[in-house]
């Protein structure tokens, strides 16, 4: 690998690390939001009745579904990032055998998560 290629590889690695950190941070924020939504739902069930409870449950259920969809998007983004890095390694090194082995360890890079969000 030439010096310029090494610099590009290091820059790609740093960018990949930053993306990983952002995705992890976003995943943590989503988990915290899920916990907060559950707390709000529990409180509403304790304090509210009738129509108010039903409205709050529907709103919070919609929020929960949104958080689930965002979690799937984060997972797909992570998978896509791995796939992009693997393809870049193949194009830079020509070592498809190495990236095939890494792909086996990391998964196939395909997002197979399905989310069905049904409007209530």
C-alpha atoms as a PDB file:
ATOM      1  CA  UNK A   1       0.000   0.000   0.000  1.00  0.00           C
ATOM      2  CA  UNK A   2       1.427   3.390  -0.987  1.00  0.00           C
ATOM      3  CA  UNK A   3       1.652   6.364   1.405  1.00  0.00           C
ATOM      4  CA  UNK A   4      -1.356   8.131  -0.138  1.00  0.00           C
ATOM      5  CA  UNK A   5      -3.417   4.967   0.044  1.00  0.00           C
ATOM      6  CA  UNK A   6      -2.446   4.550   3.707  1.00  0.00           C
ATOM      7  CA  UNK A   7      -3.596   8.127   4.436  1.00  0.00           C
ATOM      8  CA  UNK A   8      -6.930   7.466   2.709  1.00  0.00           C
ATOM      9  CA  UNK A   9      -7.335   4.230   4.651  1.00  0.00           C
ATOM     10  CA  UNK A  10      -6.618   5.972   7.965  1.00  0.00           C
ATOM     11  CA  UNK A  11      -9.048   8.789   7.121  1.00  0.00           C
ATOM     12  CA  UNK A  12     -11.723   6.213   6.236  1.00  0.00           C
ATOM     13  CA  UNK A  13     -11.032   4.402   9.491  1.00  0.00           C
ATOM     14  CA  UNK A  14     -11.397   7.600  11.520  1.00  0.00           C
ATOM     15  CA  UNK A  15     -14.627   8.470   9.710  1.00  0.00           C
ATOM     16  CA  UNK A  16     -15.934   4.947  10.324  1.00  0.00           C
ATOM     17  CA  UNK A  17     -15.131   5.282  14.025  1.00  0.00           C
ATOM     18  CA  UNK A  18     -16.994   8.599  14.193  1.00  0.00           C
ATOM     19  CA  UNK A  19     -20.029   7.075  12.490  1.00  0.00           C
ATOM     20  CA  UNK A  20     -19.890   4.120  14.902  1.00  0.00           C
ATOM     21  CA  UNK A  21     -19.825   6.508  17.861  1.00  0.00           C
ATOM     22  CA  UNK A  22     -22.761   8.515  16.520  1.00  0.00           C
ATOM     23  CA  UNK A  23     -24.823   5.396  15.853  1.00  0.00           C
ATOM     24  CA  UNK A  24     -24.062   4.070  19.346  1.00  0.00           C
ATOM     25  CA  UNK A  25     -24.973   7.422  20.890  1.00  0.00           C
ATOM     26  CA  UNK A  26     -28.222   7.525  18.925  1.00  0.00           C
ATOM     27  CA  UNK A  27     -29.052   3.960  19.975  1.00  0.00           C
ATOM     28  CA  UNK A  28     -28.529   4.930  23.627  1.00  0.00           C
ATOM     29  CA  UNK A  29     -30.768   7.976  23.220  1.00  0.00           C
ATOM     30  CA  UNK A  30     -33.484   5.831  21.655  1.00  0.00           C
ATOM     31  CA  UNK A  31     -33.258   3.327  24.514  1.00  0.00           C
ATOM     32  CA  UNK A  32     -33.568   6.163  27.039  1.00  0.00           C
ATOM     33  CA  UNK A  33     -36.595   7.487  25.135  1.00  0.00           C
ATOM     34  CA  UNK A  34     -38.165   4.017  25.185  1.00  0.00           C
ATOM     35  CA  UNK A  35     -37.721   3.850  28.951  1.00  0.00           C
ATOM     36  CA  UNK A  36     -39.206   7.322  29.393  1.00  0.00           C
ATOM     37  CA  UNK A  37     -42.202   6.446  27.201  1.00  0.00           C
ATOM     38  CA  UNK A  38     -42.824   3.323  29.280  1.00  0.00           C
ATOM     39  CA  UNK A  39     -42.654   5.395  32.486  1.00  0.00           C
ATOM     40  CA  UNK A  40     -45.166   7.871  31.038  1.00  0.00           C
ATOM     41  CA  UNK A  41     -47.468   5.038  30.012  1.00  0.00           C
ATOM     42  CA  UNK A  42     -47.289   3.445  33.464  1.00  0.00           C
ATOM     43  CA  UNK A  43     -48.039   6.802  35.123  1.00  0.00           C
ATOM     44  CA  UNK A  44     -50.959   7.423  32.782  1.00  0.00           C
ATOM     45  CA  UNK A  45     -52.394   4.002  33.620  1.00  0.00           C
ATOM     46  CA  UNK A  46     -52.180   4.842  37.323  1.00  0.00           C
ATOM     47  CA  UNK A  47     -53.602   8.372  37.081  1.00  0.00           C
ATOM     48  CA  UNK A  48     -55.977   8.429  34.108  1.00  0.00           C
ATOM     49  CA  UNK A  49     -59.174   6.674  33.135  1.00  0.00           C
ATOM     50  CA  UNK A  50     -61.598   6.561  30.244  1.00  0.00           C
ATOM     51  CA  UNK A  51     -60.973   8.581  27.127  1.00  0.00           C
ATOM     52  CA  UNK A  52     -57.908  10.337  28.532  1.00  0.00           C
ATOM     53  CA  UNK A  53     -56.236   7.001  29.275  1.00  0.00           C
ATOM     54  CA  UNK A  54     -57.149   5.632  25.852  1.00  0.00           C
ATOM     55  CA  UNK A  55     -55.749   8.711  24.076  1.00  0.00           C
ATOM     56  CA  UNK A  56     -52.543   8.608  26.114  1.00  0.00           C
ATOM     57  CA  UNK A  57     -52.091   4.883  25.443  1.00  0.00           C
ATOM     58  CA  UNK A  58     -52.532   5.390  21.704  1.00  0.00           C
ATOM     59  CA  UNK A  59     -50.101   8.306  21.619  1.00  0.00           C
ATOM     60  CA  UNK A  60     -47.493   6.464  23.622  1.00  0.00           C
ATOM     61  CA  UNK A  61     -47.963   3.291  21.572  1.00  0.00           C
ATOM     62  CA  UNK A  62     -47.320   5.347  18.435  1.00  0.00           C
ATOM     63  CA  UNK A  63     -44.170   6.759  20.031  1.00  0.00           C
ATOM     64  CA  UNK A  64     -43.035   3.244  20.926  1.00  0.00           C
ATOM     65  CA  UNK A  65     -43.557   2.091  17.337  1.00  0.00           C
ATOM     66  CA  UNK A  66     -41.574   5.074  16.089  1.00  0.00           C
ATOM     67  CA  UNK A  67     -38.700   4.237  18.442  1.00  0.00           C
ATOM     68  CA  UNK A  68     -38.717   0.629  17.206  1.00  0.00           C
ATOM     69  CA  UNK A  69     -38.531   1.827  13.610  1.00  0.00           C
ATOM     70  CA  UNK A  70     -35.627   4.119  14.458  1.00  0.00           C
ATOM     71  CA  UNK A  71     -33.818   1.219  16.149  1.00  0.00           C
ATOM     72  CA  UNK A  72     -34.215  -0.832  12.970  1.00  0.00           C
ATOM     73  CA  UNK A  73     -32.845   2.062  10.898  1.00  0.00           C
ATOM     74  CA  UNK A  74     -29.829   2.288  13.195  1.00  0.00           C
ATOM     75  CA  UNK A  75     -29.239  -1.442  12.799  1.00  0.00           C
ATOM     76  CA  UNK A  76     -29.521  -1.162   9.017  1.00  0.00           C
ATOM     77  CA  UNK A  77     -27.156   1.820   9.010  1.00  0.00           C
ATOM     78  CA  UNK A  78     -24.611  -0.165  10.976  1.00  0.00           C
ATOM     79  CA  UNK A  79     -24.929  -3.106   8.578  1.00  0.00           C
ATOM     80  CA  UNK A  80     -24.535  -0.792   5.594  1.00  0.00           C
ATOM     81  CA  UNK A  81     -21.471   0.837   7.114  1.00  0.00           C
ATOM     82  CA  UNK A  82     -19.829  -2.585   7.555  1.00  0.00           C
ATOM     83  CA  UNK A  83     -20.646  -3.453   3.945  1.00  0.00           C
ATOM     84  CA  UNK A  84     -19.169  -0.173   2.655  1.00  0.00           C
ATOM     85  CA  UNK A  85     -15.978  -0.649   4.665  1.00  0.00           C
ATOM     86  CA  UNK A  86     -15.613  -4.224   3.409  1.00  0.00           C
ATOM     87  CA  UNK A  87     -16.074  -3.141  -0.213  1.00  0.00           C
ATOM     88  CA  UNK A  88     -13.554  -0.349   0.229  1.00  0.00           C
ATOM     89  CA  UNK A  89     -11.038  -2.804   1.693  1.00  0.00           C
ATOM     90  CA  UNK A  90     -11.475  -5.088  -1.307  1.00  0.00           C
ATOM     91  CA  UNK A  91     -11.022  -2.237  -3.763  1.00  0.00           C
ATOM     92  CA  UNK A  92      -7.944  -0.896  -1.938  1.00  0.00           C
ATOM     93  CA  UNK A  93      -6.186  -4.172  -1.176  1.00  0.00           C
ATOM     94  CA  UNK A  94      -7.612  -6.522  -3.743  1.00  0.00           C
ATOM     95  CA  UNK A  95      -7.815  -9.060  -0.907  1.00  0.00           C
ATOM     96  CA  UNK A  96     -11.344 -10.377  -1.320  1.00  0.00           C
ATOM     97  CA  UNK A  97     -10.468 -13.543   0.604  1.00  0.00           C
ATOM     98  CA  UNK A  98      -9.654 -11.497   3.710  1.00  0.00           C
ATOM     99  CA  UNK A  99     -12.864  -9.473   3.565  1.00  0.00           C
ATOM    100  CA  UNK A 100     -14.904 -12.620   2.925  1.00  0.00           C
ATOM    101  CA  UNK A 101     -13.619 -14.036   6.209  1.00  0.00           C
ATOM    102  CA  UNK A 102     -14.340 -10.756   7.989  1.00  0.00           C
ATOM    103  CA  UNK A 103     -17.809 -10.692   6.444  1.00  0.00           C
ATOM    104  CA  UNK A 104     -18.501 -14.109   7.894  1.00  0.00           C
ATOM    105  CA  UNK A 105     -17.556 -12.829  11.348  1.00  0.00           C
ATOM    106  CA  UNK A 106     -19.540  -9.593  11.031  1.00  0.00           C
ATOM    107  CA  UNK A 107     -22.589 -10.916   9.225  1.00  0.00           C
ATOM    108  CA  UNK A 108     -23.498 -10.555   5.599  1.00  0.00           C
ATOM    109  CA  UNK A 109     -23.998  -6.778   5.754  1.00  0.00           C
ATOM    110  CA  UNK A 110     -27.602  -7.130   4.692  1.00  0.00           C
ATOM    111  CA  UNK A 111     -30.353  -5.516   6.675  1.00  0.00           C
ATOM    112  CA  UNK A 112     -33.086  -8.088   7.032  1.00  0.00           C
ATOM    113  CA  UNK A 113     -35.054  -6.356   9.745  1.00  0.00           C
ATOM    114  CA  UNK A 114     -38.683  -5.828   8.825  1.00  0.00           C
ATOM    115  CA  UNK A 115     -40.807  -3.317  10.643  1.00  0.00           C
ATOM    116  CA  UNK A 116     -44.517  -3.202  10.265  1.00  0.00           C
ATOM    117  CA  UNK A 117     -45.995  -0.042  11.661  1.00  0.00           C
ATOM    118  CA  UNK A 118     -49.749  -0.061  11.666  1.00  0.00           C
ATOM    119  CA  UNK A 119     -51.595   3.183  12.168  1.00  0.00           C
ATOM    120  CA  UNK A 120     -53.995   2.878  15.059  1.00  0.00           C
END
